[in-house]
N, C-alpha and C. Protein backbone atom coordinates (compact mmCIF):
# COMPACT_ATOMS: atom_id res chain seq x y z
N UNK A 1 -37.84 -24.94 29.56
CA UNK A 1 -36.53 -25.61 29.55
C UNK A 1 -35.69 -25.06 30.71
N UNK A 2 -35.12 -25.98 31.48
CA UNK A 2 -34.31 -25.55 32.60
C UNK A 2 -33.04 -24.87 32.11
N UNK A 3 -32.42 -24.10 33.01
CA UNK A 3 -31.18 -23.39 32.64
C UNK A 3 -30.10 -24.38 32.25
N UNK A 4 -29.98 -25.48 33.01
CA UNK A 4 -28.96 -26.48 32.71
C UNK A 4 -29.20 -27.09 31.34
N UNK A 5 -30.48 -27.42 31.07
CA UNK A 5 -30.80 -28.04 29.78
C UNK A 5 -30.55 -27.05 28.63
N UNK A 6 -30.79 -25.76 28.89
CA UNK A 6 -30.55 -24.75 27.86
C UNK A 6 -29.07 -24.65 27.52
N UNK A 7 -28.22 -24.67 28.56
CA UNK A 7 -26.77 -24.61 28.35
C UNK A 7 -26.30 -25.85 27.59
N UNK A 8 -26.85 -27.01 27.99
CA UNK A 8 -26.46 -28.26 27.34
C UNK A 8 -26.85 -28.25 25.87
N UNK A 9 -28.07 -27.74 25.56
CA UNK A 9 -28.53 -27.69 24.18
C UNK A 9 -27.69 -26.75 23.35
N UNK A 10 -27.32 -25.59 23.92
CA UNK A 10 -26.48 -24.62 23.21
C UNK A 10 -25.12 -25.23 22.90
N UNK A 11 -24.57 -25.98 23.86
CA UNK A 11 -23.27 -26.62 23.65
C UNK A 11 -23.37 -27.69 22.56
N UNK A 12 -24.47 -28.43 22.56
CA UNK A 12 -24.66 -29.47 21.54
C UNK A 12 -24.78 -28.85 20.15
N UNK A 13 -25.52 -27.75 20.04
CA UNK A 13 -25.68 -27.08 18.75
C UNK A 13 -24.34 -26.56 18.23
N UNK A 14 -23.52 -25.99 19.13
CA UNK A 14 -22.21 -25.48 18.74
C UNK A 14 -21.31 -26.60 18.25
N UNK A 15 -21.40 -27.77 18.92
CA UNK A 15 -20.59 -28.92 18.52
C UNK A 15 -20.99 -29.42 17.15
N UNK A 16 -22.31 -29.50 16.91
CA UNK A 16 -22.79 -29.93 15.60
C UNK A 16 -22.32 -28.99 14.50
N UNK A 17 -22.38 -27.68 14.79
CA UNK A 17 -21.95 -26.69 13.80
C UNK A 17 -20.47 -26.83 13.50
N UNK A 18 -19.65 -27.04 14.55
CA UNK A 18 -18.21 -27.18 14.37
C UNK A 18 -17.89 -28.39 13.52
N UNK A 19 -18.64 -29.48 13.70
CA UNK A 19 -18.38 -30.70 12.95
C UNK A 19 -18.72 -30.55 11.48
N UNK A 20 -19.58 -29.61 11.13
CA UNK A 20 -19.95 -29.41 9.73
C UNK A 20 -19.10 -28.35 9.05
N UNK A 21 -18.22 -27.67 9.78
CA UNK A 21 -17.36 -26.65 9.17
C UNK A 21 -16.44 -27.28 8.14
N UNK A 22 -16.24 -26.57 7.08
CA UNK A 22 -15.28 -26.97 6.06
C UNK A 22 -13.91 -26.42 6.43
N UNK A 23 -12.86 -27.17 6.14
CA UNK A 23 -11.51 -26.69 6.46
C UNK A 23 -11.21 -25.37 5.77
N UNK A 24 -11.87 -25.11 4.61
CA UNK A 24 -11.63 -23.85 3.89
C UNK A 24 -12.09 -22.64 4.69
N UNK A 25 -13.04 -22.87 5.63
CA UNK A 25 -13.53 -21.76 6.43
C UNK A 25 -12.43 -21.20 7.35
N UNK A 26 -11.41 -22.02 7.60
CA UNK A 26 -10.32 -21.60 8.49
C UNK A 26 -9.21 -20.89 7.73
N UNK A 27 -9.22 -20.96 6.39
CA UNK A 27 -8.15 -20.41 5.57
C UNK A 27 -8.64 -19.15 4.87
N UNK A 28 -7.96 -18.02 5.04
CA UNK A 28 -8.38 -16.79 4.34
C UNK A 28 -8.31 -16.98 2.83
N UNK A 29 -9.07 -16.19 2.07
CA UNK A 29 -9.01 -16.31 0.61
C UNK A 29 -7.61 -16.03 0.09
N UNK A 30 -7.30 -16.55 -1.09
CA UNK A 30 -5.96 -16.42 -1.65
C UNK A 30 -5.62 -14.98 -2.02
N UNK A 31 -6.64 -14.15 -2.23
CA UNK A 31 -6.38 -12.76 -2.53
C UNK A 31 -7.45 -11.88 -1.88
N UNK A 32 -7.07 -10.64 -1.62
CA UNK A 32 -7.96 -9.73 -0.92
C UNK A 32 -7.82 -8.33 -1.52
N UNK A 33 -8.94 -7.76 -1.99
CA UNK A 33 -8.90 -6.39 -2.49
C UNK A 33 -8.57 -5.44 -1.35
N UNK A 34 -7.63 -4.53 -1.60
CA UNK A 34 -7.37 -3.43 -0.68
C UNK A 34 -7.98 -2.16 -1.25
N UNK A 35 -7.74 -1.91 -2.55
CA UNK A 35 -8.36 -0.80 -3.26
C UNK A 35 -8.77 -1.27 -4.65
N UNK A 36 -9.92 -0.80 -5.11
CA UNK A 36 -10.38 -1.09 -6.46
C UNK A 36 -10.85 0.23 -7.06
N UNK A 37 -10.05 0.78 -7.97
CA UNK A 37 -10.29 2.12 -8.49
C UNK A 37 -11.36 2.12 -9.58
N UNK A 38 -12.57 1.72 -9.20
CA UNK A 38 -13.65 1.60 -10.18
C UNK A 38 -14.84 2.50 -9.85
N UNK A 39 -14.73 3.31 -8.80
CA UNK A 39 -15.85 4.18 -8.44
C UNK A 39 -15.33 5.47 -7.81
N UNK A 40 -16.17 6.49 -7.81
CA UNK A 40 -15.80 7.76 -7.20
C UNK A 40 -15.61 7.61 -5.70
N UNK A 41 -16.40 6.73 -5.09
CA UNK A 41 -16.28 6.51 -3.65
C UNK A 41 -14.90 5.95 -3.29
N UNK A 42 -14.39 5.06 -4.15
CA UNK A 42 -13.06 4.49 -3.90
C UNK A 42 -11.99 5.57 -4.03
N UNK A 43 -12.15 6.46 -5.00
CA UNK A 43 -11.16 7.51 -5.21
C UNK A 43 -11.11 8.50 -4.05
N UNK A 44 -12.25 8.64 -3.35
CA UNK A 44 -12.29 9.55 -2.21
C UNK A 44 -11.42 9.06 -1.06
N UNK A 45 -11.00 7.80 -1.13
CA UNK A 45 -10.15 7.25 -0.08
C UNK A 45 -8.69 7.67 -0.23
N UNK A 46 -8.37 8.39 -1.32
CA UNK A 46 -6.99 8.79 -1.59
C UNK A 46 -6.85 10.30 -1.56
N UNK A 47 -5.69 10.74 -1.11
CA UNK A 47 -5.35 12.15 -1.08
C UNK A 47 -4.21 12.38 -2.06
N UNK A 48 -4.41 13.27 -3.02
CA UNK A 48 -3.39 13.55 -4.02
C UNK A 48 -2.65 14.83 -3.64
N UNK A 49 -1.37 14.71 -3.43
CA UNK A 49 -0.60 15.90 -3.09
C UNK A 49 0.32 16.28 -4.24
N UNK A 50 -0.32 16.39 -5.41
CA UNK A 50 0.36 16.82 -6.62
C UNK A 50 -0.71 17.39 -7.55
N UNK A 51 -0.34 17.63 -8.82
CA UNK A 51 -1.33 18.10 -9.78
C UNK A 51 -1.96 16.95 -10.54
N UNK A 52 -2.07 15.77 -9.88
CA UNK A 52 -2.64 14.60 -10.53
C UNK A 52 -4.13 14.78 -10.77
N UNK A 53 -4.65 14.01 -11.74
CA UNK A 53 -6.08 14.03 -12.07
C UNK A 53 -6.76 12.86 -11.38
N UNK A 54 -8.04 13.08 -10.99
CA UNK A 54 -8.82 11.98 -10.45
C UNK A 54 -9.21 11.02 -11.57
N UNK A 55 -9.63 9.81 -11.18
CA UNK A 55 -10.12 8.84 -12.15
C UNK A 55 -9.21 7.64 -12.25
N UNK A 56 -8.44 7.34 -11.20
CA UNK A 56 -7.53 6.22 -11.26
C UNK A 56 -6.29 6.52 -12.07
N UNK A 57 -6.07 7.80 -12.39
CA UNK A 57 -4.89 8.22 -13.16
C UNK A 57 -4.07 9.18 -12.31
N UNK A 58 -2.82 8.85 -12.10
CA UNK A 58 -1.89 9.68 -11.34
C UNK A 58 -0.91 10.26 -12.34
N UNK A 59 -1.02 11.58 -12.64
CA UNK A 59 -0.19 12.15 -13.68
C UNK A 59 0.21 13.57 -13.34
N UNK A 60 1.22 14.08 -14.05
CA UNK A 60 1.68 15.44 -13.82
C UNK A 60 3.02 15.66 -14.49
N UNK A 61 3.75 16.65 -14.00
CA UNK A 61 5.05 16.98 -14.56
C UNK A 61 6.05 17.17 -13.42
N UNK A 62 7.15 16.45 -13.50
CA UNK A 62 8.19 16.56 -12.49
C UNK A 62 9.15 17.67 -12.85
N UNK A 63 9.48 18.50 -11.88
CA UNK A 63 10.42 19.59 -12.11
C UNK A 63 11.31 19.76 -10.90
N UNK A 64 12.58 20.08 -11.15
CA UNK A 64 13.52 20.33 -10.05
C UNK A 64 13.57 21.81 -9.68
N UNK A 65 12.79 22.63 -10.38
CA UNK A 65 12.82 24.07 -10.11
C UNK A 65 12.25 24.36 -8.73
N UNK A 66 12.89 25.26 -8.01
CA UNK A 66 12.44 25.68 -6.69
C UNK A 66 12.09 27.16 -6.77
N UNK A 67 10.95 27.52 -6.20
CA UNK A 67 10.50 28.91 -6.26
C UNK A 67 11.56 29.85 -5.70
N UNK A 68 11.84 30.92 -6.42
CA UNK A 68 12.86 31.88 -6.00
C UNK A 68 12.47 32.50 -4.65
N UNK A 69 13.41 32.56 -3.76
CA UNK A 69 13.18 33.16 -2.46
C UNK A 69 12.56 32.23 -1.43
N UNK A 70 12.40 30.94 -1.78
CA UNK A 70 11.82 30.02 -0.82
C UNK A 70 12.70 29.89 0.43
N UNK A 71 12.06 29.69 1.57
CA UNK A 71 12.80 29.57 2.84
C UNK A 71 13.27 28.15 3.08
N UNK A 72 12.81 27.22 2.22
CA UNK A 72 13.15 25.81 2.43
C UNK A 72 14.45 25.46 1.72
N UNK A 73 15.27 24.68 2.38
CA UNK A 73 16.51 24.19 1.78
C UNK A 73 16.26 22.80 1.23
N UNK A 74 15.84 22.74 -0.03
CA UNK A 74 15.46 21.48 -0.64
C UNK A 74 16.65 20.90 -1.41
N UNK A 75 17.05 19.69 -1.01
CA UNK A 75 18.19 19.05 -1.67
C UNK A 75 17.74 18.00 -2.67
N UNK A 76 16.49 17.55 -2.57
CA UNK A 76 15.97 16.55 -3.50
C UNK A 76 14.58 16.99 -3.96
N UNK A 77 14.53 17.69 -5.06
CA UNK A 77 13.24 18.14 -5.57
C UNK A 77 12.82 17.25 -6.73
N UNK A 78 11.62 17.51 -7.26
CA UNK A 78 11.10 16.67 -8.33
C UNK A 78 10.43 15.44 -7.78
N UNK A 79 9.37 15.62 -6.97
CA UNK A 79 8.72 14.52 -6.28
C UNK A 79 7.21 14.74 -6.29
N UNK A 80 6.44 13.69 -6.57
CA UNK A 80 4.99 13.73 -6.48
C UNK A 80 4.49 12.43 -5.88
N UNK A 81 3.36 12.51 -5.21
CA UNK A 81 2.82 11.29 -4.62
C UNK A 81 1.33 11.35 -4.41
N UNK A 82 0.74 10.19 -4.22
CA UNK A 82 -0.67 10.08 -3.84
C UNK A 82 -0.76 9.07 -2.71
N UNK A 83 -1.51 9.44 -1.68
CA UNK A 83 -1.57 8.60 -0.48
C UNK A 83 -3.03 8.35 -0.09
N UNK A 84 -3.28 7.13 0.35
CA UNK A 84 -4.63 6.82 0.82
C UNK A 84 -4.86 7.51 2.16
N UNK A 85 -6.12 7.83 2.40
CA UNK A 85 -6.48 8.31 3.72
C UNK A 85 -6.34 7.15 4.70
N UNK A 86 -6.15 7.48 5.96
CA UNK A 86 -5.96 6.41 6.94
C UNK A 86 -7.20 5.52 7.00
N UNK A 87 -6.94 4.22 7.13
CA UNK A 87 -8.04 3.30 7.27
C UNK A 87 -8.77 3.55 8.59
N UNK A 88 -10.00 3.12 8.67
CA UNK A 88 -10.75 3.19 9.91
C UNK A 88 -10.31 2.02 10.78
N UNK A 89 -9.26 2.26 11.55
CA UNK A 89 -8.62 1.18 12.28
C UNK A 89 -7.43 0.68 11.50
N UNK A 90 -7.26 -0.63 11.43
CA UNK A 90 -6.12 -1.21 10.74
C UNK A 90 -6.60 -2.20 9.67
N UNK A 91 -5.79 -2.38 8.63
CA UNK A 91 -5.98 -3.47 7.69
C UNK A 91 -5.04 -4.59 8.12
N UNK A 92 -5.58 -5.78 8.29
CA UNK A 92 -4.79 -6.92 8.74
C UNK A 92 -4.44 -7.78 7.52
N UNK A 93 -3.15 -7.78 7.15
CA UNK A 93 -2.67 -8.59 6.03
C UNK A 93 -1.74 -9.70 6.51
N UNK A 94 -1.91 -10.11 7.76
CA UNK A 94 -1.05 -11.13 8.34
C UNK A 94 -1.07 -12.42 7.52
N UNK A 95 -2.20 -12.74 6.91
CA UNK A 95 -2.35 -14.00 6.17
C UNK A 95 -1.78 -13.92 4.75
N UNK A 96 -1.23 -12.77 4.35
CA UNK A 96 -0.78 -12.57 2.97
C UNK A 96 0.71 -12.27 2.93
N UNK A 97 1.32 -12.50 1.78
CA UNK A 97 2.77 -12.31 1.67
C UNK A 97 3.17 -11.39 0.52
N UNK A 98 2.19 -10.93 -0.28
CA UNK A 98 2.52 -10.16 -1.49
C UNK A 98 1.48 -9.07 -1.73
N UNK A 99 1.96 -7.91 -2.19
CA UNK A 99 1.08 -6.85 -2.67
C UNK A 99 1.10 -6.87 -4.20
N UNK A 100 -0.07 -6.85 -4.81
CA UNK A 100 -0.18 -6.84 -6.27
C UNK A 100 -0.89 -5.57 -6.71
N UNK A 101 -0.40 -4.95 -7.78
CA UNK A 101 -1.00 -3.74 -8.34
C UNK A 101 -1.20 -3.94 -9.84
N UNK A 102 -2.40 -3.70 -10.33
CA UNK A 102 -2.64 -3.73 -11.78
C UNK A 102 -2.52 -2.30 -12.27
N UNK A 103 -1.48 -2.05 -13.05
CA UNK A 103 -1.12 -0.68 -13.42
C UNK A 103 -0.68 -0.60 -14.88
N UNK A 104 -0.79 0.59 -15.42
CA UNK A 104 -0.26 0.88 -16.76
C UNK A 104 0.50 2.19 -16.66
N UNK A 105 1.75 2.18 -17.08
CA UNK A 105 2.58 3.34 -16.82
C UNK A 105 3.32 3.89 -18.01
N UNK A 106 4.46 4.48 -17.71
CA UNK A 106 5.20 5.27 -18.69
C UNK A 106 6.68 4.89 -18.75
N UNK A 107 7.02 3.74 -18.20
CA UNK A 107 8.42 3.33 -18.21
C UNK A 107 9.23 3.88 -17.05
N UNK A 108 8.58 4.63 -16.16
CA UNK A 108 9.29 5.14 -14.99
C UNK A 108 9.26 4.10 -13.86
N UNK A 109 10.02 4.38 -12.84
CA UNK A 109 10.03 3.56 -11.63
C UNK A 109 9.28 4.33 -10.55
N UNK A 110 8.31 3.70 -9.94
CA UNK A 110 7.51 4.31 -8.89
C UNK A 110 7.87 3.69 -7.54
N UNK A 111 7.42 4.34 -6.49
CA UNK A 111 7.68 3.86 -5.14
C UNK A 111 6.36 3.48 -4.48
N UNK A 112 6.26 2.22 -4.10
CA UNK A 112 5.09 1.75 -3.35
C UNK A 112 5.43 1.82 -1.87
N UNK A 113 4.55 2.47 -1.10
CA UNK A 113 4.79 2.64 0.34
C UNK A 113 3.64 2.06 1.14
N UNK A 114 3.98 1.36 2.19
CA UNK A 114 3.00 0.86 3.16
C UNK A 114 3.27 1.55 4.48
N UNK A 115 2.22 2.09 5.09
CA UNK A 115 2.35 2.77 6.39
C UNK A 115 1.79 1.87 7.49
N UNK A 116 2.56 1.73 8.54
CA UNK A 116 2.12 0.91 9.67
C UNK A 116 2.16 1.73 10.95
N UNK A 117 1.58 1.15 11.99
CA UNK A 117 1.58 1.78 13.30
C UNK A 117 3.02 2.10 13.71
N UNK A 118 3.22 3.24 14.32
CA UNK A 118 4.56 3.71 14.64
C UNK A 118 5.14 2.97 15.85
N UNK A 119 6.18 2.18 15.60
CA UNK A 119 6.95 1.59 16.69
C UNK A 119 8.44 1.59 16.38
N UNK A 120 8.81 2.03 15.16
CA UNK A 120 10.21 2.04 14.74
C UNK A 120 10.83 3.42 14.85
N UNK A 121 10.24 4.41 14.16
CA UNK A 121 10.87 5.73 14.05
C UNK A 121 10.76 6.56 15.33
N UNK A 122 9.53 6.79 15.76
CA UNK A 122 9.30 7.62 16.94
C UNK A 122 8.15 7.04 17.74
N UNK A 123 8.39 5.97 18.48
CA UNK A 123 7.29 5.34 19.23
C UNK A 123 6.55 6.35 20.10
N UNK A 124 5.24 6.27 20.05
CA UNK A 124 4.42 7.17 20.84
C UNK A 124 4.05 8.45 20.12
N UNK A 125 4.66 8.71 18.95
CA UNK A 125 4.37 9.92 18.19
C UNK A 125 3.33 9.62 17.11
N UNK A 126 2.81 10.68 16.50
CA UNK A 126 1.74 10.54 15.51
C UNK A 126 2.24 10.02 14.16
N UNK A 127 3.52 10.21 13.88
CA UNK A 127 4.04 9.84 12.57
C UNK A 127 4.01 8.32 12.37
N UNK A 128 3.61 7.90 11.16
CA UNK A 128 3.54 6.47 10.87
C UNK A 128 4.91 5.95 10.44
N UNK A 129 5.12 4.65 10.63
CA UNK A 129 6.29 4.01 10.04
C UNK A 129 6.02 3.81 8.55
N UNK A 130 7.05 3.95 7.73
CA UNK A 130 6.89 3.77 6.29
C UNK A 130 7.83 2.68 5.79
N UNK A 131 7.30 1.83 4.92
CA UNK A 131 8.04 0.72 4.33
C UNK A 131 7.90 0.85 2.83
N UNK A 132 9.03 0.87 2.11
CA UNK A 132 8.99 1.22 0.70
C UNK A 132 9.68 0.18 -0.19
N UNK A 133 9.16 0.11 -1.42
CA UNK A 133 9.77 -0.76 -2.43
C UNK A 133 9.58 -0.11 -3.79
N UNK A 134 10.58 -0.26 -4.67
CA UNK A 134 10.46 0.22 -6.03
C UNK A 134 9.53 -0.71 -6.83
N UNK A 135 8.79 -0.12 -7.74
CA UNK A 135 8.00 -0.90 -8.69
C UNK A 135 8.19 -0.29 -10.07
N UNK A 136 8.78 -1.06 -10.98
CA UNK A 136 9.00 -0.60 -12.35
C UNK A 136 7.75 -0.88 -13.18
N UNK A 137 7.30 0.12 -13.92
CA UNK A 137 6.06 0.00 -14.69
C UNK A 137 6.37 0.11 -16.18
N UNK A 138 6.28 -0.99 -16.94
CA UNK A 138 6.50 -0.92 -18.39
C UNK A 138 5.56 0.08 -19.04
N UNK A 139 5.96 0.59 -20.17
CA UNK A 139 5.20 1.64 -20.83
C UNK A 139 4.05 1.10 -21.67
N UNK A 140 2.88 1.76 -21.53
CA UNK A 140 1.73 1.61 -22.43
C UNK A 140 0.98 0.29 -22.36
N UNK A 141 1.33 -0.61 -21.47
CA UNK A 141 0.60 -1.88 -21.36
C UNK A 141 0.19 -2.12 -19.91
N UNK A 142 -1.03 -2.70 -19.75
CA UNK A 142 -1.44 -3.08 -18.41
C UNK A 142 -0.55 -4.21 -17.89
N UNK A 143 -0.21 -4.11 -16.63
CA UNK A 143 0.80 -5.00 -16.05
C UNK A 143 0.44 -5.23 -14.59
N UNK A 144 0.57 -6.47 -14.13
CA UNK A 144 0.34 -6.76 -12.71
C UNK A 144 1.70 -6.88 -12.03
N UNK A 145 2.02 -5.89 -11.23
CA UNK A 145 3.28 -5.90 -10.47
C UNK A 145 3.04 -6.59 -9.14
N UNK A 146 3.92 -7.52 -8.78
CA UNK A 146 3.80 -8.25 -7.52
C UNK A 146 5.04 -7.97 -6.67
N UNK A 147 4.80 -7.48 -5.47
CA UNK A 147 5.89 -7.11 -4.56
C UNK A 147 5.75 -7.91 -3.27
N UNK A 148 6.65 -8.84 -2.99
CA UNK A 148 6.59 -9.55 -1.71
C UNK A 148 6.71 -8.57 -0.54
N UNK A 149 5.96 -8.80 0.51
CA UNK A 149 5.99 -7.90 1.65
C UNK A 149 7.38 -7.78 2.25
N UNK A 150 8.17 -8.86 2.17
CA UNK A 150 9.50 -8.79 2.76
C UNK A 150 10.49 -8.01 1.89
N UNK A 151 10.03 -7.51 0.72
CA UNK A 151 10.86 -6.63 -0.10
C UNK A 151 10.69 -5.16 0.28
N UNK A 152 9.70 -4.87 1.11
CA UNK A 152 9.51 -3.50 1.57
C UNK A 152 10.51 -3.20 2.68
N UNK A 153 11.26 -2.12 2.51
CA UNK A 153 12.31 -1.76 3.46
C UNK A 153 11.84 -0.61 4.36
N UNK A 154 12.23 -0.63 5.63
CA UNK A 154 11.87 0.48 6.52
C UNK A 154 12.62 1.74 6.12
N UNK A 155 11.91 2.86 6.06
CA UNK A 155 12.53 4.12 5.64
C UNK A 155 12.18 5.24 6.60
N UNK A 156 13.02 6.28 6.57
CA UNK A 156 12.80 7.48 7.36
C UNK A 156 13.07 8.68 6.46
N UNK A 157 12.00 9.41 6.10
CA UNK A 157 12.12 10.57 5.22
C UNK A 157 12.82 10.23 3.91
N UNK A 158 12.45 9.07 3.36
CA UNK A 158 12.98 8.66 2.07
C UNK A 158 14.28 7.92 2.11
N UNK A 159 14.89 7.77 3.29
CA UNK A 159 16.16 7.05 3.42
C UNK A 159 15.93 5.71 4.10
N UNK A 160 16.59 4.68 3.59
CA UNK A 160 16.44 3.35 4.15
C UNK A 160 17.10 3.29 5.53
N UNK A 161 16.40 2.71 6.49
CA UNK A 161 16.95 2.52 7.84
C UNK A 161 17.85 1.30 7.82
N UNK A 162 19.10 1.51 8.16
CA UNK A 162 20.08 0.41 8.13
C UNK A 162 19.98 -0.42 9.41
N UNK A 163 18.90 -1.15 9.52
CA UNK A 163 18.70 -2.03 10.67
C UNK A 163 17.79 -3.16 10.23
N UNK A 164 17.94 -4.32 10.87
CA UNK A 164 17.12 -5.47 10.51
C UNK A 164 15.80 -5.37 11.25
N UNK A 165 14.77 -4.94 10.51
CA UNK A 165 13.45 -4.76 11.09
C UNK A 165 12.42 -5.49 10.24
N UNK A 166 11.35 -5.92 10.87
CA UNK A 166 10.28 -6.61 10.15
C UNK A 166 8.98 -5.82 10.29
N UNK A 167 8.28 -5.69 9.18
CA UNK A 167 6.99 -5.05 9.17
C UNK A 167 5.97 -5.89 9.95
N UNK A 168 5.03 -5.20 10.59
CA UNK A 168 3.91 -5.89 11.21
C UNK A 168 2.72 -5.78 10.25
N UNK A 169 2.46 -6.80 9.43
CA UNK A 169 1.42 -6.69 8.41
C UNK A 169 0.00 -6.69 8.96
N UNK A 170 -0.15 -6.90 10.26
CA UNK A 170 -1.49 -6.88 10.84
C UNK A 170 -1.91 -5.49 11.30
N UNK A 171 -1.00 -4.50 11.18
CA UNK A 171 -1.28 -3.15 11.68
C UNK A 171 -1.02 -2.11 10.59
N UNK A 172 -1.61 -2.30 9.41
CA UNK A 172 -1.39 -1.39 8.28
C UNK A 172 -2.40 -0.25 8.31
N UNK A 173 -1.89 0.98 8.20
CA UNK A 173 -2.71 2.18 8.31
C UNK A 173 -3.06 2.79 6.96
N UNK A 174 -2.24 2.58 5.95
CA UNK A 174 -2.49 3.19 4.65
C UNK A 174 -1.41 2.84 3.66
N UNK A 175 -1.54 3.37 2.43
CA UNK A 175 -0.58 3.10 1.36
C UNK A 175 -0.40 4.36 0.53
N UNK A 176 0.67 4.37 -0.26
CA UNK A 176 0.87 5.48 -1.19
C UNK A 176 1.67 5.00 -2.39
N UNK A 177 1.61 5.80 -3.45
CA UNK A 177 2.44 5.63 -4.63
C UNK A 177 3.07 6.97 -4.94
N UNK A 178 4.34 6.98 -5.25
CA UNK A 178 5.03 8.24 -5.52
C UNK A 178 6.06 8.04 -6.62
N UNK A 179 6.57 9.18 -7.12
CA UNK A 179 7.56 9.14 -8.19
C UNK A 179 8.57 10.25 -7.95
N UNK A 180 9.83 9.96 -8.18
CA UNK A 180 10.91 10.94 -8.07
C UNK A 180 11.51 11.21 -9.44
N UNK A 181 12.03 12.41 -9.61
CA UNK A 181 12.71 12.73 -10.86
C UNK A 181 13.98 11.90 -11.00
N UNK A 182 14.61 11.56 -9.90
CA UNK A 182 15.85 10.79 -9.90
C UNK A 182 15.66 9.48 -9.16
N UNK A 183 16.55 8.54 -9.41
CA UNK A 183 16.52 7.28 -8.68
C UNK A 183 15.66 6.24 -9.37
N UNK A 184 15.63 5.05 -8.77
CA UNK A 184 14.85 3.96 -9.33
C UNK A 184 15.73 2.82 -9.78
N UNK A 185 15.13 1.86 -10.45
CA UNK A 185 15.87 0.69 -10.91
C UNK A 185 16.59 1.01 -12.21
N UNK A 186 17.71 0.33 -12.49
CA UNK A 186 18.43 0.56 -13.75
C UNK A 186 17.54 0.29 -14.95
N UNK A 187 17.62 1.16 -15.95
CA UNK A 187 16.85 0.99 -17.17
C UNK A 187 15.52 1.70 -17.19
N UNK A 188 15.08 2.20 -16.03
CA UNK A 188 13.80 2.91 -15.99
C UNK A 188 13.99 4.35 -16.45
N UNK A 189 12.95 4.93 -17.04
CA UNK A 189 12.99 6.34 -17.40
C UNK A 189 13.11 7.19 -16.13
N UNK A 190 13.83 8.29 -16.23
CA UNK A 190 13.99 9.16 -15.07
C UNK A 190 14.21 10.59 -15.54
N UNK A 191 14.32 11.50 -14.58
CA UNK A 191 14.54 12.90 -14.91
C UNK A 191 13.26 13.70 -14.92
N UNK A 192 13.38 15.03 -15.02
CA UNK A 192 12.20 15.90 -15.08
C UNK A 192 11.36 15.58 -16.30
N UNK A 193 10.07 15.94 -16.23
CA UNK A 193 9.19 15.73 -17.37
C UNK A 193 7.87 15.12 -16.95
N UNK A 194 7.07 14.80 -17.94
CA UNK A 194 5.73 14.27 -17.67
C UNK A 194 5.80 12.86 -17.11
N UNK A 195 4.80 12.52 -16.29
CA UNK A 195 4.64 11.15 -15.84
C UNK A 195 3.15 10.83 -15.82
N UNK A 196 2.84 9.55 -15.96
CA UNK A 196 1.44 9.12 -15.93
C UNK A 196 1.37 7.66 -15.52
N UNK A 197 0.55 7.40 -14.50
CA UNK A 197 0.37 6.03 -14.01
C UNK A 197 -1.12 5.78 -13.85
N UNK A 198 -1.64 4.76 -14.55
CA UNK A 198 -3.04 4.35 -14.40
C UNK A 198 -3.10 3.15 -13.46
N UNK A 199 -4.07 3.17 -12.54
CA UNK A 199 -4.17 2.14 -11.51
C UNK A 199 -5.56 1.52 -11.56
N UNK A 200 -5.62 0.21 -11.67
CA UNK A 200 -6.90 -0.50 -11.71
C UNK A 200 -7.27 -0.99 -10.31
N UNK A 201 -6.35 -1.70 -9.66
CA UNK A 201 -6.62 -2.18 -8.32
C UNK A 201 -5.32 -2.50 -7.57
N UNK A 202 -5.48 -2.64 -6.28
CA UNK A 202 -4.39 -3.08 -5.40
C UNK A 202 -4.94 -4.21 -4.55
N UNK A 203 -4.23 -5.32 -4.54
CA UNK A 203 -4.67 -6.51 -3.78
C UNK A 203 -3.55 -7.02 -2.88
N UNK A 204 -3.94 -7.80 -1.89
CA UNK A 204 -3.00 -8.60 -1.12
C UNK A 204 -3.15 -10.05 -1.59
N UNK A 205 -2.03 -10.74 -1.80
CA UNK A 205 -2.06 -12.11 -2.28
C UNK A 205 -1.38 -13.05 -1.28
N UNK A 206 -1.88 -14.26 -1.24
CA UNK A 206 -1.18 -15.33 -0.51
C UNK A 206 -0.64 -16.29 -1.55
N UNK A 207 0.66 -16.32 -1.73
CA UNK A 207 1.27 -17.11 -2.79
C UNK A 207 1.95 -18.37 -2.28
N UNK A 208 2.04 -18.52 -0.98
CA UNK A 208 2.74 -19.68 -0.42
C UNK A 208 1.79 -20.57 0.36
């Protein structure tokens, strides 16, 4: 087969294939697993920086006590969190508008955080940008919490940045869940004491 005929045949095959494509092939699925806490391998993707237990259960005891003689000037104590290890590259959620979490909790309010490539806080530095939203978890029942991506606010060291900024959902580096002794939505349990959050999965949804 001549080179010209080979090119022509390849072009014809590509055209035939394009004509048989289904329109659904162009549309991402309506939901996408980000994390599924059903195996030990999945749990290894998270780093717990508290006294939480492995097994899809994030639990411990919140205390405002500060070790005597500490050199740190802590103004907001009573905090625990668990964060995913950085993805290998980026997670692209451009096609989605909502984060969903299947969780069972204790009536406290938790903080869902999404980390993106740094272009807001300190461009060019290693620190990630953080976008946060409260998620209230009813007590003792499994519940699917849905948080629109545009409800996540840009934050710096736990404080909301008072500027109109938009997250880039195509450059997501990781996620975390945390709990504070104080703060949260009205009506949620708060204060020092035990906390426990069970997590089944985290998904991205396209609802529009």
